[in-house]
Amino acid sequence: MSKVKIGSVHNSNIVVGNVQGGVTHTNDTTTNNQQINEIALEIRKLIPEESSTSLAHMEAATKVIEHIENDRSLAEKIMGSLKDGSIDALGQALNHPAASFIIGAIKSWKGQS
């Protein structure tokens, strides 16, 4: 039995507790962060620059959501890459007022509330 720590420090996985047997699953946060950033960049390209009011943010988000719904490849990339906890990270990576509407739609597609 070996003792390891669970957690994350500077993108390194750390485990706390006693472990018996071998590790069968590790979480590669660097790869997941890279996927989130790639998806965010792709979505940001779809958001019009001129959205400055709440109404404009909702309209921009609606256009992005419609685009994703009609682009099966992009939709599959988003749904396949995002784990439950990383959806909120995508919202932060988007860093745009319209992001909350887009993230709400993605959560709805994944069956989250």
PDB file of N, CA and C in Angstrom:
ATOM      1  N   MET A   1       0.858  -1.168   0.000  1.00  0.00           N
ATOM      2  CA  MET A   1       0.000   0.000   0.000  1.00  0.00           C
ATOM      3  C   MET A   1       0.900   1.226   0.000  1.00  0.00           C
ATOM      4  N   SER A   2       0.602   2.155  -0.881  1.00  0.00           N
ATOM      5  CA  SER A   2       1.387   3.385  -0.930  1.00  0.00           C
ATOM      6  C   SER A   2       0.483   4.565  -0.633  1.00  0.00           C
ATOM      7  N   LYS A   3       1.070   5.602  -0.078  1.00  0.00           N
ATOM      8  CA  LYS A   3       0.305   6.802   0.256  1.00  0.00           C
ATOM      9  C   LYS A   3       0.602   7.859  -0.787  1.00  0.00           C
ATOM     10  N   VAL A   4      -0.456   8.404  -1.368  1.00  0.00           N
ATOM     11  CA  VAL A   4      -0.315   9.452  -2.365  1.00  0.00           C
ATOM     12  C   VAL A   4      -1.325  10.546  -2.068  1.00  0.00           C
ATOM     13  N   LYS A   5      -1.210  11.678  -2.715  1.00  0.00           N
ATOM     14  CA  LYS A   5      -2.101  12.816  -2.478  1.00  0.00           C
ATOM     15  C   LYS A   5      -2.952  13.096  -3.706  1.00  0.00           C
ATOM     16  N   ILE A   6      -4.198  13.579  -3.479  1.00  0.00           N
ATOM     17  CA  ILE A   6      -5.096  13.950  -4.573  1.00  0.00           C
ATOM     18  C   ILE A   6      -5.277  15.453  -4.564  1.00  0.00           C
ATOM     19  N   GLY A   7      -5.154  16.072  -5.707  1.00  0.00           N
ATOM     20  CA  GLY A   7      -5.330  17.510  -5.822  1.00  0.00           C
ATOM     21  C   GLY A   7      -4.555  18.021  -7.010  1.00  0.00           C
ATOM     22  N   SER A   8      -4.382  19.304  -7.084  1.00  0.00           N
ATOM     23  CA  SER A   8      -3.671  19.893  -8.212  1.00  0.00           C
ATOM     24  C   SER A   8      -2.864  21.083  -7.747  1.00  0.00           C
ATOM     25  N   VAL A   9      -1.596  21.056  -8.057  1.00  0.00           N
ATOM     26  CA  VAL A   9      -0.715  22.178  -7.778  1.00  0.00           C
ATOM     27  C   VAL A   9       0.114  22.415  -9.027  1.00  0.00           C
ATOM     28  N   HIS A  10       0.025  23.587  -9.572  1.00  0.00           N
ATOM     29  CA  HIS A  10       0.793  23.949 -10.773  1.00  0.00           C
ATOM     30  C   HIS A  10       0.631  22.904 -11.870  1.00  0.00           C
ATOM     31  N   ASN A  11      -0.615  22.524 -12.139  1.00  0.00           N
ATOM     32  CA  ASN A  11      -0.965  21.553 -13.186  1.00  0.00           C
ATOM     33  C   ASN A  11      -0.392  20.165 -12.956  1.00  0.00           C
ATOM     34  N   SER A  12       0.020  19.841 -11.725  1.00  0.00           N
ATOM     35  CA  SER A  12       0.496  18.506 -11.392  1.00  0.00           C
ATOM     36  C   SER A  12      -0.577  17.822 -10.563  1.00  0.00           C
ATOM     37  N   ASN A  13      -0.880  16.583 -10.878  1.00  0.00           N
ATOM     38  CA  ASN A  13      -1.875  15.852 -10.106  1.00  0.00           C
ATOM     39  C   ASN A  13      -1.254  15.348  -8.826  1.00  0.00           C
ATOM     40  N   ILE A  14      -1.944  15.559  -7.718  1.00  0.00           N
ATOM     41  CA  ILE A  14      -1.472  15.128  -6.413  1.00  0.00           C
ATOM     42  C   ILE A  14      -2.612  14.376  -5.755  1.00  0.00           C
ATOM     43  N   VAL A  15      -2.332  13.251  -5.119  1.00  0.00           N
ATOM     44  CA  VAL A  15      -3.357  12.426  -4.508  1.00  0.00           C
ATOM     45  C   VAL A  15      -3.085  12.285  -3.018  1.00  0.00           C
ATOM     46  N   VAL A  16      -4.127  12.344  -2.172  1.00  0.00           N
ATOM     47  CA  VAL A  16      -3.986  12.164  -0.731  1.00  0.00           C
ATOM     48  C   VAL A  16      -4.774  10.936  -0.329  1.00  0.00           C
ATOM     49  N   GLY A  17      -4.158  10.044   0.429  1.00  0.00           N
ATOM     50  CA  GLY A  17      -4.850   8.853   0.904  1.00  0.00           C
ATOM     51  C   GLY A  17      -4.018   7.620   0.655  1.00  0.00           C
ATOM     52  N   ASN A  18      -4.588   6.475   0.966  1.00  0.00           N
ATOM     53  CA  ASN A  18      -3.898   5.211   0.761  1.00  0.00           C
ATOM     54  C   ASN A  18      -4.425   4.554  -0.504  1.00  0.00           C
ATOM     55  N   VAL A  19      -3.522   4.054  -1.303  1.00  0.00           N
ATOM     56  CA  VAL A  19      -3.886   3.435  -2.568  1.00  0.00           C
ATOM     57  C   VAL A  19      -3.370   2.015  -2.572  1.00  0.00           C
ATOM     58  N   GLN A  20      -4.235   1.066  -2.928  1.00  0.00           N
ATOM     59  CA  GLN A  20      -3.814  -0.310  -3.090  1.00  0.00           C
ATOM     60  C   GLN A  20      -3.921  -0.656  -4.560  1.00  0.00           C
ATOM     61  N   GLY A  21      -2.961  -1.374  -5.067  1.00  0.00           N
ATOM     62  CA  GLY A  21      -2.983  -1.734  -6.471  1.00  0.00           C
ATOM     63  C   GLY A  21      -2.426  -0.613  -7.324  1.00  0.00           C
ATOM     64  N   GLY A  22      -2.610  -0.707  -8.606  1.00  0.00           N
ATOM     65  CA  GLY A  22      -2.074   0.288  -9.521  1.00  0.00           C
ATOM     66  C   GLY A  22      -3.083   1.370  -9.831  1.00  0.00           C
ATOM     67  N   VAL A  23      -2.597   2.470 -10.313  1.00  0.00           N
ATOM     68  CA  VAL A  23      -3.458   3.560 -10.737  1.00  0.00           C
ATOM     69  C   VAL A  23      -3.992   3.204 -12.113  1.00  0.00           C
ATOM     70  N   THR A  24      -5.310   3.235 -12.259  1.00  0.00           N
ATOM     71  CA  THR A  24      -5.903   2.863 -13.540  1.00  0.00           C
ATOM     72  C   THR A  24      -6.374   4.063 -14.344  1.00  0.00           C
ATOM     73  N   HIS A  25      -6.451   5.232 -13.692  1.00  0.00           N
ATOM     74  CA  HIS A  25      -6.928   6.416 -14.405  1.00  0.00           C
ATOM     75  C   HIS A  25      -6.202   7.639 -13.877  1.00  0.00           C
ATOM     76  N   THR A  26      -5.713   8.440 -14.772  1.00  0.00           N
ATOM     77  CA  THR A  26      -5.125   9.717 -14.375  1.00  0.00           C
ATOM     78  C   THR A  26      -5.835  10.811 -15.141  1.00  0.00           C
ATOM     79  N   ASN A  27      -5.814  12.008 -14.599  1.00  0.00           N
ATOM     80  CA  ASN A  27      -6.481  13.142 -15.228  1.00  0.00           C
ATOM     81  C   ASN A  27      -5.413  14.060 -15.800  1.00  0.00           C
ATOM     82  N   ASP A  28      -5.355  14.168 -17.097  1.00  0.00           N
ATOM     83  CA  ASP A  28      -4.367  15.033 -17.737  1.00  0.00           C
ATOM     84  C   ASP A  28      -4.965  16.422 -17.883  1.00  0.00           C
ATOM     85  N   THR A  29      -4.728  17.270 -16.883  1.00  0.00           N
ATOM     86  CA  THR A  29      -5.335  18.600 -16.888  1.00  0.00           C
ATOM     87  C   THR A  29      -4.790  19.476 -17.999  1.00  0.00           C
ATOM     88  N   THR A  30      -3.545  19.254 -18.389  1.00  0.00           N
ATOM     89  CA  THR A  30      -2.968  20.071 -19.452  1.00  0.00           C
ATOM     90  C   THR A  30      -3.707  19.831 -20.763  1.00  0.00           C
ATOM     91  N   THR A  31      -3.960  18.564 -21.086  1.00  0.00           N
ATOM     92  CA  THR A  31      -4.681  18.232 -22.316  1.00  0.00           C
ATOM     93  C   THR A  31      -6.099  18.780 -22.260  1.00  0.00           C
ATOM     94  N   ASN A  32      -6.771  18.617 -21.122  1.00  0.00           N
ATOM     95  CA  ASN A  32      -8.138  19.114 -20.988  1.00  0.00           C
ATOM     96  C   ASN A  32      -8.173  20.635 -21.121  1.00  0.00           C
ATOM     97  N   ASN A  33      -7.234  21.337 -20.485  1.00  0.00           N
ATOM     98  CA  ASN A  33      -7.174  22.799 -20.603  1.00  0.00           C
ATOM     99  C   ASN A  33      -6.940  23.216 -22.045  1.00  0.00           C
ATOM    100  N   GLN A  34      -6.087  22.485 -22.747  1.00  0.00           N
ATOM    101  CA  GLN A  34      -5.806  22.799 -24.146  1.00  0.00           C
ATOM    102  C   GLN A  34      -7.072  22.620 -24.988  1.00  0.00           C
ATOM    103  N   GLN A  35      -7.814  21.544 -24.743  1.00  0.00           N
ATOM    104  CA  GLN A  35      -9.060  21.316 -25.480  1.00  0.00           C
ATOM    105  C   GLN A  35     -10.066  22.426 -25.198  1.00  0.00           C
ATOM    106  N   ILE A  36     -10.175  22.820 -23.935  1.00  0.00           N
ATOM    107  CA  ILE A  36     -11.100  23.895 -23.564  1.00  0.00           C
ATOM    108  C   ILE A  36     -10.719  25.178 -24.279  1.00  0.00           C
ATOM    109  N   ASN A  37      -9.430  25.508 -24.282  1.00  0.00           N
ATOM    110  CA  ASN A  37      -8.975  26.732 -24.944  1.00  0.00           C
ATOM    111  C   ASN A  37      -9.214  26.688 -26.449  1.00  0.00           C
ATOM    112  N   GLU A  38      -9.017  25.521 -27.065  1.00  0.00           N
ATOM    113  CA  GLU A  38      -9.265  25.385 -28.503  1.00  0.00           C
ATOM    114  C   GLU A  38     -10.747  25.579 -28.823  1.00  0.00           C
ATOM    115  N   ILE A  39     -11.609  24.981 -28.012  1.00  0.00           N
ATOM    116  CA  ILE A  39     -13.051  25.130 -28.225  1.00  0.00           C
ATOM    117  C   ILE A  39     -13.464  26.576 -27.998  1.00  0.00           C
ATOM    118  N   ALA A  40     -12.924  27.198 -26.944  1.00  0.00           N
ATOM    119  CA  ALA A  40     -13.244  28.604 -26.653  1.00  0.00           C
ATOM    120  C   ALA A  40     -12.843  29.492 -27.816  1.00  0.00           C
ATOM    121  N   LEU A  41     -11.673  29.262 -28.385  1.00  0.00           N
ATOM    122  CA  LEU A  41     -11.208  30.057 -29.517  1.00  0.00           C
ATOM    123  C   LEU A  41     -12.150  29.893 -30.707  1.00  0.00           C
ATOM    124  N   GLU A  42     -12.553  28.657 -30.948  1.00  0.00           N
ATOM    125  CA  GLU A  42     -13.462  28.389 -32.068  1.00  0.00           C
ATOM    126  C   GLU A  42     -14.813  29.083 -31.855  1.00  0.00           C
ATOM    127  N   ILE A  43     -15.323  29.044 -30.633  1.00  0.00           N
ATOM    128  CA  ILE A  43     -16.605  29.693 -30.337  1.00  0.00           C
ATOM    129  C   ILE A  43     -16.463  31.210 -30.381  1.00  0.00           C
ATOM    130  N   ARG A  44     -15.354  31.739 -29.843  1.00  0.00           N
ATOM    131  CA  ARG A  44     -15.139  33.199 -29.843  1.00  0.00           C
ATOM    132  C   ARG A  44     -15.161  33.768 -31.251  1.00  0.00           C
ATOM    133  N   LYS A  45     -14.674  33.000 -32.219  1.00  0.00           N
ATOM    134  CA  LYS A  45     -14.680  33.453 -33.613  1.00  0.00           C
ATOM    135  C   LYS A  45     -16.105  33.664 -34.125  1.00  0.00           C
ATOM    136  N   LEU A  46     -17.063  32.983 -33.509  1.00  0.00           N
ATOM    137  CA  LEU A  46     -18.460  33.073 -33.937  1.00  0.00           C
ATOM    138  C   LEU A  46     -19.202  34.236 -33.285  1.00  0.00           C
ATOM    139  N   ILE A  47     -18.636  34.812 -32.220  1.00  0.00           N
ATOM    140  CA  ILE A  47     -19.317  35.882 -31.487  1.00  0.00           C
ATOM    141  C   ILE A  47     -19.014  37.219 -32.152  1.00  0.00           C
ATOM    142  N   PRO A  48     -20.051  37.943 -32.578  1.00  0.00           N
ATOM    143  CA  PRO A  48     -19.821  39.259 -33.196  1.00  0.00           C
ATOM    144  C   PRO A  48     -19.160  40.224 -32.212  1.00  0.00           C
ATOM    145  N   GLU A  49     -18.249  41.027 -32.712  1.00  0.00           N
ATOM    146  CA  GLU A  49     -17.519  41.985 -31.880  1.00  0.00           C
ATOM    147  C   GLU A  49     -18.405  43.107 -31.363  1.00  0.00           C
ATOM    148  N   GLU A  50     -19.429  43.470 -32.116  1.00  0.00           N
ATOM    149  CA  GLU A  50     -20.203  44.661 -31.792  1.00  0.00           C
ATOM    150  C   GLU A  50     -21.246  44.462 -30.695  1.00  0.00           C
ATOM    151  N   SER A  51     -21.281  43.309 -30.050  1.00  0.00           N
ATOM    152  CA  SER A  51     -22.288  43.098 -29.011  1.00  0.00           C
ATOM    153  C   SER A  51     -21.892  43.827 -27.725  1.00  0.00           C
ATOM    154  N   SER A  52     -22.670  44.881 -27.385  1.00  0.00           N
ATOM    155  CA  SER A  52     -22.327  45.682 -26.208  1.00  0.00           C
ATOM    156  C   SER A  52     -23.487  45.842 -25.230  1.00  0.00           C
ATOM    157  N   THR A  53     -24.684  45.433 -25.609  1.00  0.00           N
ATOM    158  CA  THR A  53     -25.831  45.516 -24.710  1.00  0.00           C
ATOM    159  C   THR A  53     -26.290  44.102 -24.357  1.00  0.00           C
ATOM    160  N   SER A  54     -27.116  43.992 -23.339  1.00  0.00           N
ATOM    161  CA  SER A  54     -27.627  42.669 -22.951  1.00  0.00           C
ATOM    162  C   SER A  54     -28.380  42.012 -24.099  1.00  0.00           C
ATOM    163  N   LEU A  55     -29.175  42.801 -24.804  1.00  0.00           N
ATOM    164  CA  LEU A  55     -29.912  42.270 -25.947  1.00  0.00           C
ATOM    165  C   LEU A  55     -28.945  41.776 -27.027  1.00  0.00           C
ATOM    166  N   ALA A  56     -27.910  42.551 -27.294  1.00  0.00           N
ATOM    167  CA  ALA A  56     -26.908  42.153 -28.293  1.00  0.00           C
ATOM    168  C   ALA A  56     -26.181  40.882 -27.857  1.00  0.00           C
ATOM    169  N   HIS A  57     -25.921  40.735 -26.551  1.00  0.00           N
ATOM    170  CA  HIS A  57     -25.260  39.521 -26.048  1.00  0.00           C
ATOM    171  C   HIS A  57     -26.153  38.303 -26.267  1.00  0.00           C
ATOM    172  N   MET A  58     -27.455  38.460 -25.981  1.00  0.00           N
ATOM    173  CA  MET A  58     -28.391  37.349 -26.190  1.00  0.00           C
ATOM    174  C   MET A  58     -28.501  36.997 -27.669  1.00  0.00           C
ATOM    175  N   GLU A  59     -28.550  38.018 -28.528  1.00  0.00           N
ATOM    176  CA  GLU A  59     -28.626  37.773 -29.972  1.00  0.00           C
ATOM    177  C   GLU A  59     -27.358  37.085 -30.469  1.00  0.00           C
ATOM    178  N   ALA A  60     -26.202  37.530 -29.974  1.00  0.00           N
ATOM    179  CA  ALA A  60     -24.931  36.914 -30.366  1.00  0.00           C
ATOM    180  C   ALA A  60     -24.897  35.458 -29.920  1.00  0.00           C
ATOM    181  N   ALA A  61     -25.316  35.210 -28.687  1.00  0.00           N
ATOM    182  CA  ALA A  61     -25.331  33.843 -28.169  1.00  0.00           C
ATOM    183  C   ALA A  61     -26.281  32.968 -28.978  1.00  0.00           C
ATOM    184  N   THR A  62     -27.427  33.515 -29.349  1.00  0.00           N
ATOM    185  CA  THR A  62     -28.397  32.764 -30.151  1.00  0.00           C
ATOM    186  C   THR A  62     -27.789  32.353 -31.488  1.00  0.00           C
ATOM    187  N   LYS A  63     -27.069  33.272 -32.126  1.00  0.00           N
ATOM    188  CA  LYS A  63     -26.418  32.954 -33.408  1.00  0.00           C
ATOM    189  C   LYS A  63     -25.360  31.873 -33.226  1.00  0.00           C
ATOM    190  N   VAL A  64     -24.579  31.961 -32.143  1.00  0.00           N
ATOM    191  CA  VAL A  64     -23.543  30.960 -31.874  1.00  0.00           C
ATOM    192  C   VAL A  64     -24.190  29.601 -31.613  1.00  0.00           C
ATOM    193  N   ILE A  65     -25.232  29.586 -30.796  1.00  0.00           N
ATOM    194  CA  ILE A  65     -25.922  28.334 -30.473  1.00  0.00           C
ATOM    195  C   ILE A  65     -26.513  27.707 -31.735  1.00  0.00           C
ATOM    196  N   GLU A  66     -27.144  28.509 -32.585  1.00  0.00           N
ATOM    197  CA  GLU A  66     -27.692  27.997 -33.845  1.00  0.00           C
ATOM    198  C   GLU A  66     -26.582  27.440 -34.729  1.00  0.00           C
ATOM    199  N   HIS A  67     -25.443  28.132 -34.769  1.00  0.00           N
ATOM    200  CA  HIS A  67     -24.313  27.663 -35.574  1.00  0.00           C
ATOM    201  C   HIS A  67     -23.833  26.301 -35.065  1.00  0.00           C
ATOM    202  N   ILE A  68     -23.678  26.187 -33.742  1.00  0.00           N
ATOM    203  CA  ILE A  68     -23.215  24.920 -33.163  1.00  0.00           C
ATOM    204  C   ILE A  68     -24.220  23.807 -33.447  1.00  0.00           C
ATOM    205  N   GLU A  69     -25.509  24.100 -33.293  1.00  0.00           N
ATOM    206  CA  GLU A  69     -26.545  23.092 -33.552  1.00  0.00           C
ATOM    207  C   GLU A  69     -26.531  22.620 -35.001  1.00  0.00           C
ATOM    208  N   ASN A  70     -26.162  23.493 -35.927  1.00  0.00           N
ATOM    209  CA  ASN A  70     -26.145  23.147 -37.349  1.00  0.00           C
ATOM    210  C   ASN A  70     -24.800  22.622 -37.831  1.00  0.00           C
ATOM    211  N   ASP A  71     -23.783  22.703 -37.008  1.00  0.00           N
ATOM    212  CA  ASP A  71     -22.446  22.210 -37.362  1.00  0.00           C
ATOM    213  C   ASP A  71     -22.176  20.958 -36.529  1.00  0.00           C
ATOM    214  N   ARG A  72     -22.579  19.819 -37.069  1.00  0.00           N
ATOM    215  CA  ARG A  72     -22.476  18.553 -36.335  1.00  0.00           C
ATOM    216  C   ARG A  72     -21.055  18.278 -35.855  1.00  0.00           C
ATOM    217  N   SER A  73     -20.078  18.585 -36.678  1.00  0.00           N
ATOM    218  CA  SER A  73     -18.686  18.349 -36.311  1.00  0.00           C
ATOM    219  C   SER A  73     -18.294  19.163 -35.080  1.00  0.00           C
ATOM    220  N   LEU A  74     -18.656  20.440 -35.074  1.00  0.00           N
ATOM    221  CA  LEU A  74     -18.342  21.302 -33.933  1.00  0.00           C
ATOM    222  C   LEU A  74     -19.109  20.849 -32.693  1.00  0.00           C
ATOM    223  N   ALA A  75     -20.378  20.517 -32.858  1.00  0.00           N
ATOM    224  CA  ALA A  75     -21.189  20.056 -31.727  1.00  0.00           C
ATOM    225  C   ALA A  75     -20.593  18.794 -31.111  1.00  0.00           C
ATOM    226  N   GLU A  76     -20.179  17.847 -31.947  1.00  0.00           N
ATOM    227  CA  GLU A  76     -19.578  16.609 -31.446  1.00  0.00           C
ATOM    228  C   GLU A  76     -18.251  16.888 -30.752  1.00  0.00           C
ATOM    229  N   LYS A  77     -17.482  17.819 -31.290  1.00  0.00           N
ATOM    230  CA  LYS A  77     -16.207  18.185 -30.671  1.00  0.00           C
ATOM    231  C   LYS A  77     -16.445  18.770 -29.279  1.00  0.00           C
ATOM    232  N   ILE A  78     -17.413  19.658 -29.179  1.00  0.00           N
ATOM    233  CA  ILE A  78     -17.720  20.287 -27.894  1.00  0.00           C
ATOM    234  C   ILE A  78     -18.226  19.246 -26.904  1.00  0.00           C
ATOM    235  N   MET A  79     -19.202  18.467 -27.305  1.00  0.00           N
ATOM    236  CA  MET A  79     -19.814  17.505 -26.393  1.00  0.00           C
ATOM    237  C   MET A  79     -18.846  16.393 -26.003  1.00  0.00           C
ATOM    238  N   GLY A  80     -17.995  15.988 -26.923  1.00  0.00           N
ATOM    239  CA  GLY A  80     -17.047  14.922 -26.629  1.00  0.00           C
ATOM    240  C   GLY A  80     -15.877  15.363 -25.776  1.00  0.00           C
ATOM    241  N   SER A  81     -15.512  16.616 -25.879  1.00  0.00           N
ATOM    242  CA  SER A  81     -14.334  17.109 -25.169  1.00  0.00           C
ATOM    243  C   SER A  81     -14.631  17.599 -23.766  1.00  0.00           C
ATOM    244  N   LEU A  82     -15.838  18.062 -23.543  1.00  0.00           N
ATOM    245  CA  LEU A  82     -16.148  18.687 -22.262  1.00  0.00           C
ATOM    246  C   LEU A  82     -16.710  17.699 -21.260  1.00  0.00           C
ATOM    247  N   LYS A  83     -16.018  17.594 -20.149  1.00  0.00           N
ATOM    248  CA  LYS A  83     -16.530  16.831 -19.025  1.00  0.00           C
ATOM    249  C   LYS A  83     -17.390  17.788 -18.208  1.00  0.00           C
ATOM    250  N   ASP A  84     -18.144  17.256 -17.265  1.00  0.00           N
ATOM    251  CA  ASP A  84     -19.079  18.079 -16.502  1.00  0.00           C
ATOM    252  C   ASP A  84     -18.422  19.307 -15.891  1.00  0.00           C
ATOM    253  N   GLY A  85     -17.303  19.169 -15.227  1.00  0.00           N
ATOM    254  CA  GLY A  85     -16.655  20.298 -14.567  1.00  0.00           C
ATOM    255  C   GLY A  85     -16.005  21.277 -15.514  1.00  0.00           C
ATOM    256  N   SER A  86     -15.700  20.821 -16.723  1.00  0.00           N
ATOM    257  CA  SER A  86     -14.982  21.697 -17.647  1.00  0.00           C
ATOM    258  C   SER A  86     -15.902  22.627 -18.436  1.00  0.00           C
ATOM    259  N   ILE A  87     -17.205  22.431 -18.338  1.00  0.00           N
ATOM    260  CA  ILE A  87     -18.132  23.322 -19.045  1.00  0.00           C
ATOM    261  C   ILE A  87     -18.029  24.731 -18.473  1.00  0.00           C
ATOM    262  N   ASP A  88     -17.979  24.836 -17.146  1.00  0.00           N
ATOM    263  CA  ASP A  88     -17.830  26.155 -16.524  1.00  0.00           C
ATOM    264  C   ASP A  88     -16.470  26.762 -16.857  1.00  0.00           C
ATOM    265  N   ALA A  89     -15.450  25.917 -16.966  1.00  0.00           N
ATOM    266  CA  ALA A  89     -14.121  26.409 -17.355  1.00  0.00           C
ATOM    267  C   ALA A  89     -14.163  26.984 -18.768  1.00  0.00           C
ATOM    268  N   LEU A  90     -14.968  26.384 -19.639  1.00  0.00           N
ATOM    269  CA  LEU A  90     -15.134  26.918 -20.993  1.00  0.00           C
ATOM    270  C   LEU A  90     -15.747  28.311 -20.931  1.00  0.00           C
ATOM    271  N   GLY A  91     -16.734  28.496 -20.080  1.00  0.00           N
ATOM    272  CA  GLY A  91     -17.351  29.815 -19.915  1.00  0.00           C
ATOM    273  C   GLY A  91     -16.339  30.861 -19.499  1.00  0.00           C
ATOM    274  N   GLN A  92     -15.435  30.481 -18.594  1.00  0.00           N
ATOM    275  CA  GLN A  92     -14.387  31.405 -18.165  1.00  0.00           C
ATOM    276  C   GLN A  92     -13.410  31.672 -19.305  1.00  0.00           C
ATOM    277  N   ALA A  93     -13.095  30.638 -20.071  1.00  0.00           N
ATOM    278  CA  ALA A  93     -12.161  30.806 -21.187  1.00  0.00           C
ATOM    279  C   ALA A  93     -12.758  31.689 -22.284  1.00  0.00           C
ATOM    280  N   LEU A  94     -14.072  31.628 -22.460  1.00  0.00           N
ATOM    281  CA  LEU A  94     -14.714  32.479 -23.467  1.00  0.00           C
ATOM    282  C   LEU A  94     -14.591  33.947 -23.092  1.00  0.00           C
ATOM    283  N   ASN A  95     -14.699  34.241 -21.808  1.00  0.00           N
ATOM    284  CA  ASN A  95     -14.498  35.606 -21.306  1.00  0.00           C
ATOM    285  C   ASN A  95     -15.286  36.634 -22.121  1.00  0.00           C
ATOM    286  N   HIS A  96     -16.593  36.396 -22.232  1.00  0.00           N
ATOM    287  CA  HIS A  96     -17.467  37.289 -22.993  1.00  0.00           C
ATOM    288  C   HIS A  96     -18.834  37.283 -22.321  1.00  0.00           C
ATOM    289  N   PRO A  97     -19.509  38.425 -22.277  1.00  0.00           N
ATOM    290  CA  PRO A  97     -20.831  38.464 -21.642  1.00  0.00           C
ATOM    291  C   PRO A  97     -21.842  37.487 -22.246  1.00  0.00           C
ATOM    292  N   ALA A  98     -21.688  37.134 -23.494  1.00  0.00           N
ATOM    293  CA  ALA A  98     -22.610  36.187 -24.130  1.00  0.00           C
ATOM    294  C   ALA A  98     -22.325  34.747 -23.700  1.00  0.00           C
ATOM    295  N   ALA A  99     -21.196  34.523 -23.051  1.00  0.00           N
ATOM    296  CA  ALA A  99     -20.784  33.165 -22.683  1.00  0.00           C
ATOM    297  C   ALA A  99     -21.798  32.466 -21.792  1.00  0.00           C
ATOM    298  N   SER A 100     -22.419  33.194 -20.874  1.00  0.00           N
ATOM    299  CA  SER A 100     -23.359  32.543 -19.950  1.00  0.00           C
ATOM    300  C   SER A 100     -24.536  31.920 -20.703  1.00  0.00           C
ATOM    301  N   PHE A 101     -24.986  32.559 -21.769  1.00  0.00           N
ATOM    302  CA  PHE A 101     -26.081  32.010 -22.571  1.00  0.00           C
ATOM    303  C   PHE A 101     -25.616  30.763 -23.329  1.00  0.00           C
ATOM    304  N   ILE A 102     -24.408  30.821 -23.862  1.00  0.00           N
ATOM    305  CA  ILE A 102     -23.844  29.693 -24.617  1.00  0.00           C
ATOM    306  C   ILE A 102     -23.622  28.504 -23.688  1.00  0.00           C
ATOM    307  N   ILE A 103     -23.057  28.762 -22.512  1.00  0.00           N
ATOM    308  CA  ILE A 103     -22.803  27.696 -21.543  1.00  0.00           C
ATOM    309  C   ILE A 103     -24.124  27.084 -21.078  1.00  0.00           C
ATOM    310  N   GLY A 104     -25.140  27.916 -20.897  1.00  0.00           N
ATOM    311  CA  GLY A 104     -26.462  27.399 -20.530  1.00  0.00           C
ATOM    312  C   GLY A 104     -26.992  26.419 -21.565  1.00  0.00           C
ATOM    313  N   ALA A 105     -26.796  26.744 -22.838  1.00  0.00           N
ATOM    314  CA  ALA A 105     -27.244  25.846 -23.910  1.00  0.00           C
ATOM    315  C   ALA A 105     -26.452  24.542 -23.891  1.00  0.00           C
ATOM    316  N   ILE A 106     -25.140  24.633 -23.707  1.00  0.00           N
ATOM    317  CA  ILE A 106     -24.304  23.423 -23.675  1.00  0.00           C
ATOM    318  C   ILE A 106     -24.706  22.537 -22.500  1.00  0.00           C
ATOM    319  N   LYS A 107     -24.943  23.144 -21.340  1.00  0.00           N
ATOM    320  CA  LYS A 107     -25.383  22.356 -20.181  1.00  0.00           C
ATOM    321  C   LYS A 107     -26.723  21.685 -20.468  1.00  0.00           C
ATOM    322  N   SER A 108     -27.596  22.384 -21.153  1.00  0.00           N
ATOM    323  CA  SER A 108     -28.894  21.815 -21.512  1.00  0.00           C
ATOM    324  C   SER A 108     -28.713  20.614 -22.437  1.00  0.00           C
ATOM    325  N   TRP A 109     -27.818  20.739 -23.418  1.00  0.00           N
ATOM    326  CA  TRP A 109     -27.548  19.635 -24.336  1.00  0.00           C
ATOM    327  C   TRP A 109     -26.984  18.431 -23.598  1.00  0.00           C
ATOM    328  N   LYS A 110     -26.178  18.686 -22.574  1.00  0.00           N
ATOM    329  CA  LYS A 110     -25.568  17.588 -21.814  1.00  0.00           C
ATOM    330  C   LYS A 110     -26.486  17.082 -20.707  1.00  0.00           C
ATOM    331  N   GLY A 111     -27.681  17.681 -20.590  1.00  0.00           N
ATOM    332  CA  GLY A 111     -28.638  17.230 -19.590  1.00  0.00           C
ATOM    333  C   GLY A 111     -28.365  17.738 -18.189  1.00  0.00           C
ATOM    334  N   GLN A 112     -27.613  18.834 -18.074  1.00  0.00           N
ATOM    335  CA  GLN A 112     -27.346  19.443 -16.775  1.00  0.00           C
ATOM    336  C   GLN A 112     -28.258  20.638 -16.598  1.00  0.00           C
ATOM    337  N   SER A 113     -28.373  21.091 -15.347  1.00  0.00           N
ATOM    338  CA  SER A 113     -29.170  22.301 -15.116  1.00  0.00           C
ATOM    339  C   SER A 113     -28.327  23.399 -14.546  1.00  0.00           C
TER     340      SER A 113
END
